[in-house]
Full PDB file with SEQRES, HELIX, SHEET, SSBOND, CRYST1, ORIGX, SCALE, CONECT and MASTER records, all heavy atoms in Angstrom:
SEQRES   1 A   33  GLU TYR PRO HIS GLN MET SER GLY GLY MET ARG GLN ARG          
SEQRES   2 A   33  VAL MET ILE ALA MET ALA LEU ALA CYS HIS PRO ARG LEU          
SEQRES   3 A   33  MET ILE ALA ASP GLU PRO THR                                  
HELIX    1 AA1 PRO A    3  GLN A    5  5                                   3    
HELIX    2 AA2 GLY A    8  LEU A   20  1                                  13    
CRYST1    1.000    1.000    1.000  90.00  90.00  90.00 P 1           1          
ORIGX1      1.000000  0.000000  0.000000        0.00000                         
ORIGX2      0.000000  1.000000  0.000000        0.00000                         
ORIGX3      0.000000  0.000000  1.000000        0.00000                         
SCALE1      1.000000  0.000000  0.000000        0.00000                         
SCALE2      0.000000  1.000000  0.000000        0.00000                         
SCALE3      0.000000  0.000000  1.000000        0.00000                         
ATOM      1  N   GLU A   1       0.791  -1.255   0.009  1.00  0.00           N  
ATOM      2  CA  GLU A   1      -0.044  -0.019  -0.029  1.00  0.00           C  
ATOM      3  C   GLU A   1       0.933   1.276   0.001  1.00  0.00           C  
ATOM      4  O   GLU A   1       2.024   1.303   0.417  1.00  0.00           O  
ATOM      5  CB  GLU A   1      -0.876   0.011   1.278  1.00  0.00           C  
ATOM      6  CG  GLU A   1      -2.015  -1.068   1.217  1.00  0.00           C  
ATOM      7  CD  GLU A   1      -3.018  -0.962   2.347  1.00  0.00           C  
ATOM      8  OE1 GLU A   1      -2.757  -0.112   3.197  1.00  0.00           O  
ATOM      9  OE2 GLU A   1      -3.895  -1.726   2.390  1.00  0.00           O  
ATOM     10  N   TYR A   2       0.268   2.355  -0.499  1.00  0.00           N  
ATOM     11  CA  TYR A   2       0.930   3.691  -0.440  1.00  0.00           C  
ATOM     12  C   TYR A   2       0.493   4.489   0.844  1.00  0.00           C  
ATOM     13  O   TYR A   2      -0.586   4.097   1.318  1.00  0.00           O  
ATOM     14  CB  TYR A   2       0.537   4.433  -1.678  1.00  0.00           C  
ATOM     15  CG  TYR A   2       1.203   3.891  -2.959  1.00  0.00           C  
ATOM     16  CD1 TYR A   2       0.525   2.893  -3.660  1.00  0.00           C  
ATOM     17  CD2 TYR A   2       2.435   4.305  -3.409  1.00  0.00           C  
ATOM     18  CE1 TYR A   2       1.151   2.276  -4.821  1.00  0.00           C  
ATOM     19  CE2 TYR A   2       3.040   3.826  -4.505  1.00  0.00           C  
ATOM     20  CZ  TYR A   2       2.386   2.803  -5.201  1.00  0.00           C  
ATOM     21  OH  TYR A   2       3.016   2.250  -6.326  1.00  0.00           O  
ATOM     22  N   PRO A   3       1.259   5.445   1.331  1.00  0.00           N  
ATOM     23  CA  PRO A   3       0.905   6.133   2.531  1.00  0.00           C  
ATOM     24  C   PRO A   3      -0.540   6.667   2.573  1.00  0.00           C  
ATOM     25  O   PRO A   3      -1.249   6.622   3.592  1.00  0.00           O  
ATOM     26  CB  PRO A   3       1.892   7.261   2.543  1.00  0.00           C  
ATOM     27  CG  PRO A   3       3.121   6.716   1.856  1.00  0.00           C  
ATOM     28  CD  PRO A   3       2.552   5.864   0.723  1.00  0.00           C  
ATOM     29  N   HIS A   4      -1.025   7.157   1.345  1.00  0.00           N  
ATOM     30  CA  HIS A   4      -2.325   7.805   1.393  1.00  0.00           C  
ATOM     31  C   HIS A   4      -3.505   6.807   1.549  1.00  0.00           C  
ATOM     32  O   HIS A   4      -4.604   7.087   1.831  1.00  0.00           O  
ATOM     33  CB  HIS A   4      -2.561   8.624   0.042  1.00  0.00           C  
ATOM     34  CG  HIS A   4      -2.826   7.714  -1.134  1.00  0.00           C  
ATOM     35  ND1 HIS A   4      -1.739   7.287  -1.925  1.00  0.00           N  
ATOM     36  CD2 HIS A   4      -3.934   7.197  -1.666  1.00  0.00           C  
ATOM     37  CE1 HIS A   4      -2.270   6.517  -2.885  1.00  0.00           C  
ATOM     38  NE2 HIS A   4      -3.567   6.447  -2.780  1.00  0.00           N  
ATOM     39  N   GLN A   5      -3.119   5.491   1.425  1.00  0.00           N  
ATOM     40  CA  GLN A   5      -4.168   4.477   1.577  1.00  0.00           C  
ATOM     41  C   GLN A   5      -4.294   3.958   3.020  1.00  0.00           C  
ATOM     42  O   GLN A   5      -5.083   3.210   3.380  1.00  0.00           O  
ATOM     43  CB  GLN A   5      -3.807   3.202   0.655  1.00  0.00           C  
ATOM     44  CG  GLN A   5      -3.867   3.543  -0.835  1.00  0.00           C  
ATOM     45  CD  GLN A   5      -3.411   2.357  -1.635  1.00  0.00           C  
ATOM     46  OE1 GLN A   5      -2.196   2.023  -1.643  1.00  0.00           O  
ATOM     47  NE2 GLN A   5      -4.243   1.673  -2.274  1.00  0.00           N  
ATOM     48  N   MET A   6      -3.481   4.538   3.896  1.00  0.00           N  
ATOM     49  CA  MET A   6      -3.441   4.184   5.318  1.00  0.00           C  
ATOM     50  C   MET A   6      -3.959   5.313   6.215  1.00  0.00           C  
ATOM     51  O   MET A   6      -3.832   6.465   5.897  1.00  0.00           O  
ATOM     52  CB  MET A   6      -1.995   3.757   5.763  1.00  0.00           C  
ATOM     53  CG  MET A   6      -1.396   2.612   4.976  1.00  0.00           C  
ATOM     54  SD  MET A   6       0.181   2.215   5.615  1.00  0.00           S  
ATOM     55  CE  MET A   6      -0.061   0.504   6.001  1.00  0.00           C  
ATOM     56  N   SER A   7      -4.515   4.876   7.379  1.00  0.00           N  
ATOM     57  CA  SER A   7      -4.933   5.953   8.315  1.00  0.00           C  
ATOM     58  C   SER A   7      -3.673   6.494   9.036  1.00  0.00           C  
ATOM     59  O   SER A   7      -2.612   6.007   8.926  1.00  0.00           O  
ATOM     60  CB  SER A   7      -5.842   5.223   9.420  1.00  0.00           C  
ATOM     61  OG  SER A   7      -5.044   4.327  10.164  1.00  0.00           O  
ATOM     62  N   GLY A   8      -3.857   7.583   9.746  1.00  0.00           N  
ATOM     63  CA  GLY A   8      -2.796   8.182  10.486  1.00  0.00           C  
ATOM     64  C   GLY A   8      -2.137   7.247  11.500  1.00  0.00           C  
ATOM     65  O   GLY A   8      -0.873   7.236  11.596  1.00  0.00           O  
ATOM     66  N   GLY A   9      -2.929   6.506  12.196  1.00  0.00           N  
ATOM     67  CA  GLY A   9      -2.331   5.537  13.174  1.00  0.00           C  
ATOM     68  C   GLY A   9      -1.510   4.427  12.527  1.00  0.00           C  
ATOM     69  O   GLY A   9      -0.522   4.073  12.999  1.00  0.00           O  
ATOM     70  N   MET A  10      -2.019   3.940  11.313  1.00  0.00           N  
ATOM     71  CA  MET A  10      -1.310   2.981  10.585  1.00  0.00           C  
ATOM     72  C   MET A  10       0.037   3.527  10.050  1.00  0.00           C  
ATOM     73  O   MET A  10       1.061   2.878   9.971  1.00  0.00           O  
ATOM     74  CB  MET A  10      -2.154   2.335   9.504  1.00  0.00           C  
ATOM     75  CG  MET A  10      -3.138   1.317   9.977  1.00  0.00           C  
ATOM     76  SD  MET A  10      -2.299  -0.043  10.736  1.00  0.00           S  
ATOM     77  CE  MET A  10      -3.647  -0.787  11.769  1.00  0.00           C  
ATOM     78  N   ARG A  11      -0.095   4.700   9.558  1.00  0.00           N  
ATOM     79  CA  ARG A  11       1.192   5.404   9.017  1.00  0.00           C  
ATOM     80  C   ARG A  11       2.239   5.519  10.110  1.00  0.00           C  
ATOM     81  O   ARG A  11       3.470   5.396   9.875  1.00  0.00           O  
ATOM     82  CB  ARG A  11       0.919   6.790   8.427  1.00  0.00           C  
ATOM     83  CG  ARG A  11       0.147   6.697   7.011  1.00  0.00           C  
ATOM     84  CD  ARG A  11       0.160   8.016   6.319  1.00  0.00           C  
ATOM     85  NE  ARG A  11      -0.546   9.050   7.022  1.00  0.00           N  
ATOM     86  CZ  ARG A  11      -1.802   9.338   6.709  1.00  0.00           C  
ATOM     87  NH1 ARG A  11      -2.474   8.670   5.819  1.00  0.00           N  
ATOM     88  NH2 ARG A  11      -2.394  10.387   7.410  1.00  0.00           N  
ATOM     89  N   GLN A  12       1.797   5.880  11.350  1.00  0.00           N  
ATOM     90  CA  GLN A  12       2.698   5.969  12.479  1.00  0.00           C  
ATOM     91  C   GLN A  12       3.330   4.685  12.749  1.00  0.00           C  
ATOM     92  O   GLN A  12       4.450   4.516  13.125  1.00  0.00           O  
ATOM     93  CB  GLN A  12       2.019   6.661  13.627  1.00  0.00           C  
ATOM     94  CG  GLN A  12       3.018   7.171  14.723  1.00  0.00           C  
ATOM     95  CD  GLN A  12       4.000   8.153  14.232  1.00  0.00           C  
ATOM     96  OE1 GLN A  12       4.992   7.825  13.637  1.00  0.00           O  
ATOM     97  NE2 GLN A  12       3.736   9.415  14.416  1.00  0.00           N  
ATOM     98  N   ARG A  13       2.483   3.602  12.635  1.00  0.00           N  
ATOM     99  CA  ARG A  13       3.047   2.236  12.857  1.00  0.00           C  
ATOM    100  C   ARG A  13       4.125   1.893  11.837  1.00  0.00           C  
ATOM    101  O   ARG A  13       5.071   1.200  12.138  1.00  0.00           O  
ATOM    102  CB  ARG A  13       1.929   1.184  12.826  1.00  0.00           C  
ATOM    103  CG  ARG A  13       1.035   1.198  14.131  1.00  0.00           C  
ATOM    104  CD  ARG A  13      -0.230   0.361  13.969  1.00  0.00           C  
ATOM    105  NE  ARG A  13      -1.107   0.684  15.091  1.00  0.00           N  
ATOM    106  CZ  ARG A  13      -1.211  -0.089  16.209  1.00  0.00           C  
ATOM    107  NH1 ARG A  13      -0.463  -1.138  16.357  1.00  0.00           N  
ATOM    108  NH2 ARG A  13      -2.055   0.232  17.124  1.00  0.00           N  
ATOM    109  N   VAL A  14       3.880   2.356  10.583  1.00  0.00           N  
ATOM    110  CA  VAL A  14       4.923   2.163   9.597  1.00  0.00           C  
ATOM    111  C   VAL A  14       6.198   2.813   9.913  1.00  0.00           C  
ATOM    112  O   VAL A  14       7.353   2.252   9.755  1.00  0.00           O  
ATOM    113  CB  VAL A  14       4.353   2.617   8.171  1.00  0.00           C  
ATOM    114  CG1 VAL A  14       5.590   2.677   7.113  1.00  0.00           C  
ATOM    115  CG2 VAL A  14       3.279   1.807   7.669  1.00  0.00           C  
ATOM    116  N   MET A  15       6.065   4.132  10.462  1.00  0.00           N  
ATOM    117  CA  MET A  15       7.314   4.847  10.835  1.00  0.00           C  
ATOM    118  C   MET A  15       8.046   4.122  11.912  1.00  0.00           C  
ATOM    119  O   MET A  15       9.266   4.095  11.954  1.00  0.00           O  
ATOM    120  CB  MET A  15       6.892   6.237  11.313  1.00  0.00           C  
ATOM    121  CG  MET A  15       6.342   7.164  10.275  1.00  0.00           C  
ATOM    122  SD  MET A  15       7.632   7.462   8.966  1.00  0.00           S  
ATOM    123  CE  MET A  15       8.884   8.404   9.958  1.00  0.00           C  
ATOM    124  N   ILE A  16       7.318   3.458  12.917  1.00  0.00           N  
ATOM    125  CA  ILE A  16       7.921   2.766  13.960  1.00  0.00           C  
ATOM    126  C   ILE A  16       8.512   1.514  13.397  1.00  0.00           C  
ATOM    127  O   ILE A  16       9.688   1.056  13.802  1.00  0.00           O  
ATOM    128  CB  ILE A  16       6.925   2.370  15.110  1.00  0.00           C  
ATOM    129  CG1 ILE A  16       6.385   3.751  15.726  1.00  0.00           C  
ATOM    130  CG2 ILE A  16       7.490   1.528  16.147  1.00  0.00           C  
ATOM    131  CD1 ILE A  16       5.160   3.483  16.639  1.00  0.00           C  
ATOM    132  N   ALA A  17       7.900   0.758  12.500  1.00  0.00           N  
ATOM    133  CA  ALA A  17       8.460  -0.363  11.837  1.00  0.00           C  
ATOM    134  C   ALA A  17       9.780  -0.019  11.117  1.00  0.00           C  
ATOM    135  O   ALA A  17      10.694  -0.765  11.177  1.00  0.00           O  
ATOM    136  CB  ALA A  17       7.451  -0.943  10.775  1.00  0.00           C  
ATOM    137  N   MET A  18       9.774   1.164  10.478  1.00  0.00           N  
ATOM    138  CA  MET A  18      11.013   1.578   9.786  1.00  0.00           C  
ATOM    139  C   MET A  18      12.168   1.868  10.792  1.00  0.00           C  
ATOM    140  O   MET A  18      13.254   1.568  10.550  1.00  0.00           O  
ATOM    141  CB  MET A  18      10.661   2.942   9.060  1.00  0.00           C  
ATOM    142  CG  MET A  18      11.728   3.335   8.046  1.00  0.00           C  
ATOM    143  SD  MET A  18      11.299   4.879   7.228  1.00  0.00           S  
ATOM    144  CE  MET A  18       9.953   4.396   6.199  1.00  0.00           C  
ATOM    145  N   ALA A  19      11.749   2.454  11.991  1.00  0.00           N  
ATOM    146  CA  ALA A  19      12.728   2.706  12.985  1.00  0.00           C  
ATOM    147  C   ALA A  19      13.333   1.393  13.584  1.00  0.00           C  
ATOM    148  O   ALA A  19      14.487   1.294  14.025  1.00  0.00           O  
ATOM    149  CB  ALA A  19      12.141   3.566  14.101  1.00  0.00           C  
ATOM    150  N   LEU A  20      12.485   0.347  13.587  1.00  0.00           N  
ATOM    151  CA  LEU A  20      12.841  -0.910  14.218  1.00  0.00           C  
ATOM    152  C   LEU A  20      13.557  -1.890  13.267  1.00  0.00           C  
ATOM    153  O   LEU A  20      14.155  -2.866  13.707  1.00  0.00           O  
ATOM    154  CB  LEU A  20      11.614  -1.623  14.766  1.00  0.00           C  
ATOM    155  CG  LEU A  20      11.065  -1.034  16.128  1.00  0.00           C  
ATOM    156  CD1 LEU A  20       9.661  -1.653  16.352  1.00  0.00           C  
ATOM    157  CD2 LEU A  20      11.989  -1.341  17.251  1.00  0.00           C  
ATOM    158  N   ALA A  21      13.448  -1.587  12.006  1.00  0.00           N  
ATOM    159  CA  ALA A  21      13.835  -2.575  10.955  1.00  0.00           C  
ATOM    160  C   ALA A  21      15.279  -3.051  11.141  1.00  0.00           C  
ATOM    161  O   ALA A  21      15.567  -4.233  10.765  1.00  0.00           O  
ATOM    162  CB  ALA A  21      13.630  -2.012   9.534  1.00  0.00           C  
ATOM    163  N   CYS A  22      16.219  -2.216  11.596  1.00  0.00           N  
ATOM    164  CA  CYS A  22      17.670  -2.643  11.755  1.00  0.00           C  
ATOM    165  C   CYS A  22      17.973  -2.919  13.228  1.00  0.00           C  
ATOM    166  O   CYS A  22      19.123  -2.833  13.549  1.00  0.00           O  
ATOM    167  CB  CYS A  22      18.525  -1.598  11.115  1.00  0.00           C  
ATOM    168  SG  CYS A  22      18.277  -1.473   9.395  1.00  0.00           S  
ATOM    169  N   HIS A  23      16.957  -3.090  14.111  1.00  0.00           N  
ATOM    170  CA  HIS A  23      17.210  -3.392  15.439  1.00  0.00           C  
ATOM    171  C   HIS A  23      18.074  -2.380  16.175  1.00  0.00           C  
ATOM    172  O   HIS A  23      19.232  -2.748  16.681  1.00  0.00           O  
ATOM    173  CB  HIS A  23      17.787  -4.905  15.610  1.00  0.00           C  
ATOM    174  CG  HIS A  23      17.078  -5.911  14.897  1.00  0.00           C  
ATOM    175  ND1 HIS A  23      17.607  -6.788  14.010  1.00  0.00           N  
ATOM    176  CD2 HIS A  23      15.740  -6.160  14.832  1.00  0.00           C  
ATOM    177  CE1 HIS A  23      16.658  -7.530  13.479  1.00  0.00           C  
ATOM    178  NE2 HIS A  23      15.524  -7.190  13.958  1.00  0.00           N  
ATOM    179  N   PRO A  24      17.682  -1.133  16.197  1.00  0.00           N  
ATOM    180  CA  PRO A  24      18.491  -0.090  16.867  1.00  0.00           C  
ATOM    181  C   PRO A  24      18.646  -0.307  18.325  1.00  0.00           C  
ATOM    182  O   PRO A  24      17.764  -0.912  18.966  1.00  0.00           O  
ATOM    183  CB  PRO A  24      17.746   1.205  16.546  1.00  0.00           C  
ATOM    184  CG  PRO A  24      16.304   0.781  16.462  1.00  0.00           C  
ATOM    185  CD  PRO A  24      16.339  -0.615  15.838  1.00  0.00           C  
ATOM    186  N   ARG A  25      19.660   0.332  18.906  1.00  0.00           N  
ATOM    187  CA  ARG A  25      19.793   0.275  20.317  1.00  0.00           C  
ATOM    188  C   ARG A  25      19.165   1.522  21.031  1.00  0.00           C  
ATOM    189  O   ARG A  25      18.773   1.520  22.210  1.00  0.00           O  
ATOM    190  CB  ARG A  25      21.278   0.266  20.762  1.00  0.00           C  
ATOM    191  CG  ARG A  25      21.985  -0.962  20.298  1.00  0.00           C  
ATOM    192  CD  ARG A  25      23.301  -1.270  20.993  1.00  0.00           C  
ATOM    193  NE  ARG A  25      23.079  -1.570  22.384  1.00  0.00           N  
ATOM    194  CZ  ARG A  25      24.022  -1.490  23.364  1.00  0.00           C  
ATOM    195  NH1 ARG A  25      25.203  -1.058  23.007  1.00  0.00           N  
ATOM    196  NH2 ARG A  25      23.740  -1.744  24.589  1.00  0.00           N  
ATOM    197  N   LEU A  26      18.972   2.579  20.253  1.00  0.00           N  
ATOM    198  CA  LEU A  26      18.279   3.782  20.730  1.00  0.00           C  
ATOM    199  C   LEU A  26      17.295   4.305  19.726  1.00  0.00           C  
ATOM    200  O   LEU A  26      17.634   4.381  18.497  1.00  0.00           O  
ATOM    201  CB  LEU A  26      19.315   4.898  20.989  1.00  0.00           C  
ATOM    202  CG  LEU A  26      18.769   6.216  21.361  1.00  0.00           C  
ATOM    203  CD1 LEU A  26      18.108   6.206  22.698  1.00  0.00           C  
ATOM    204  CD2 LEU A  26      19.938   7.289  21.369  1.00  0.00           C  
ATOM    205  N   MET A  27      16.103   4.553  20.144  1.00  0.00           N  
ATOM    206  CA  MET A  27      15.125   5.151  19.284  1.00  0.00           C  
ATOM    207  C   MET A  27      14.766   6.581  19.869  1.00  0.00           C  
ATOM    208  O   MET A  27      14.492   6.748  21.053  1.00  0.00           O  
ATOM    209  CB  MET A  27      13.826   4.376  19.287  1.00  0.00           C  
ATOM    210  CG  MET A  27      13.841   3.077  18.429  1.00  0.00           C  
ATOM    211  SD  MET A  27      12.182   2.383  18.081  1.00  0.00           S  
ATOM    212  CE  MET A  27      11.707   1.951  19.746  1.00  0.00           C  
ATOM    213  N   ILE A  28      14.721   7.513  18.928  1.00  0.00           N  
ATOM    214  CA  ILE A  28      14.368   8.924  19.328  1.00  0.00           C  
ATOM    215  C   ILE A  28      12.908   9.157  18.767  1.00  0.00           C  
ATOM    216  O   ILE A  28      12.734   9.062  17.545  1.00  0.00           O  
ATOM    217  CB  ILE A  28      15.339   9.940  18.758  1.00  0.00           C  
ATOM    218  CG1 ILE A  28      16.733   9.642  19.378  1.00  0.00           C  
ATOM    219  CG2 ILE A  28      14.948  11.365  19.123  1.00  0.00           C  
ATOM    220  CD1 ILE A  28      17.804  10.560  18.723  1.00  0.00           C  
ATOM    221  N   ALA A  29      12.012   9.324  19.632  1.00  0.00           N  
ATOM    222  CA  ALA A  29      10.610   9.599  19.212  1.00  0.00           C  
ATOM    223  C   ALA A  29      10.231  11.098  19.405  1.00  0.00           C  
ATOM    224  O   ALA A  29      10.204  11.485  20.553  1.00  0.00           O  
ATOM    225  CB  ALA A  29       9.649   8.653  20.031  1.00  0.00           C  
ATOM    226  N   ASP A  30      10.143  11.868  18.335  1.00  0.00           N  
ATOM    227  CA  ASP A  30       9.911  13.261  18.524  1.00  0.00           C  
ATOM    228  C   ASP A  30       8.448  13.563  18.311  1.00  0.00           C  
ATOM    229  O   ASP A  30       7.886  13.642  17.186  1.00  0.00           O  
ATOM    230  CB  ASP A  30      10.720  13.998  17.349  1.00  0.00           C  
ATOM    231  CG  ASP A  30      10.715  15.495  17.552  1.00  0.00           C  
ATOM    232  OD1 ASP A  30      10.072  15.991  18.520  1.00  0.00           O  
ATOM    233  OD2 ASP A  30      11.267  16.224  16.607  1.00  0.00           O  
ATOM    234  N   GLU A  31       7.694  13.667  19.408  1.00  0.00           N  
ATOM    235  CA  GLU A  31       6.247  13.909  19.421  1.00  0.00           C  
ATOM    236  C   GLU A  31       5.555  13.009  18.572  1.00  0.00           C  
ATOM    237  O   GLU A  31       4.798  13.482  17.625  1.00  0.00           O  
ATOM    238  CB  GLU A  31       6.004  15.470  19.091  1.00  0.00           C  
ATOM    239  CG  GLU A  31       6.809  16.436  19.842  1.00  0.00           C  
ATOM    240  CD  GLU A  31       5.893  17.275  20.724  1.00  0.00           C  
ATOM    241  OE1 GLU A  31       4.745  16.999  21.040  1.00  0.00           O  
ATOM    242  OE2 GLU A  31       6.491  18.350  21.186  1.00  0.00           O  
ATOM    243  N   PRO A  32       5.773  11.685  18.700  1.00  0.00           N  
ATOM    244  CA  PRO A  32       5.174  10.664  17.696  1.00  0.00           C  
ATOM    245  C   PRO A  32       3.712  10.580  17.724  1.00  0.00           C  
ATOM    246  O   PRO A  32       3.105  10.001  16.823  1.00  0.00           O  
ATOM    247  CB  PRO A  32       5.874   9.406  18.105  1.00  0.00           C  
ATOM    248  CG  PRO A  32       6.084   9.487  19.491  1.00  0.00           C  
ATOM    249  CD  PRO A  32       6.375  11.006  19.844  1.00  0.00           C  
ATOM    250  N   THR A  33       2.989  11.124  18.721  1.00  0.00           N  
ATOM    251  CA  THR A  33       1.495  10.905  18.821  1.00  0.00           C  
ATOM    252  C   THR A  33       0.760  12.209  18.667  1.00  0.00           C  
ATOM    253  O   THR A  33      -0.473  12.194  18.824  1.00  0.00           O  
ATOM    254  CB  THR A  33       1.141  10.189  20.107  1.00  0.00           C  
ATOM    255  OG1 THR A  33       1.590  10.952  21.293  1.00  0.00           O  
ATOM    256  CG2 THR A  33       1.778   8.848  20.237  1.00  0.00           C  
TER     257      THR A  33                                                      
MASTER        0    0    0    2    0    0    0    6  256    1    0    3          
END                                                                             
């Protein structure tokens, strides 16, 4: 799917999935909600 096909909550989950994809040791969440 493309970003416009997803709700705001689902798009934010995609952003979190992107942040987690390489198994980081530190995540910086800048006003994510």
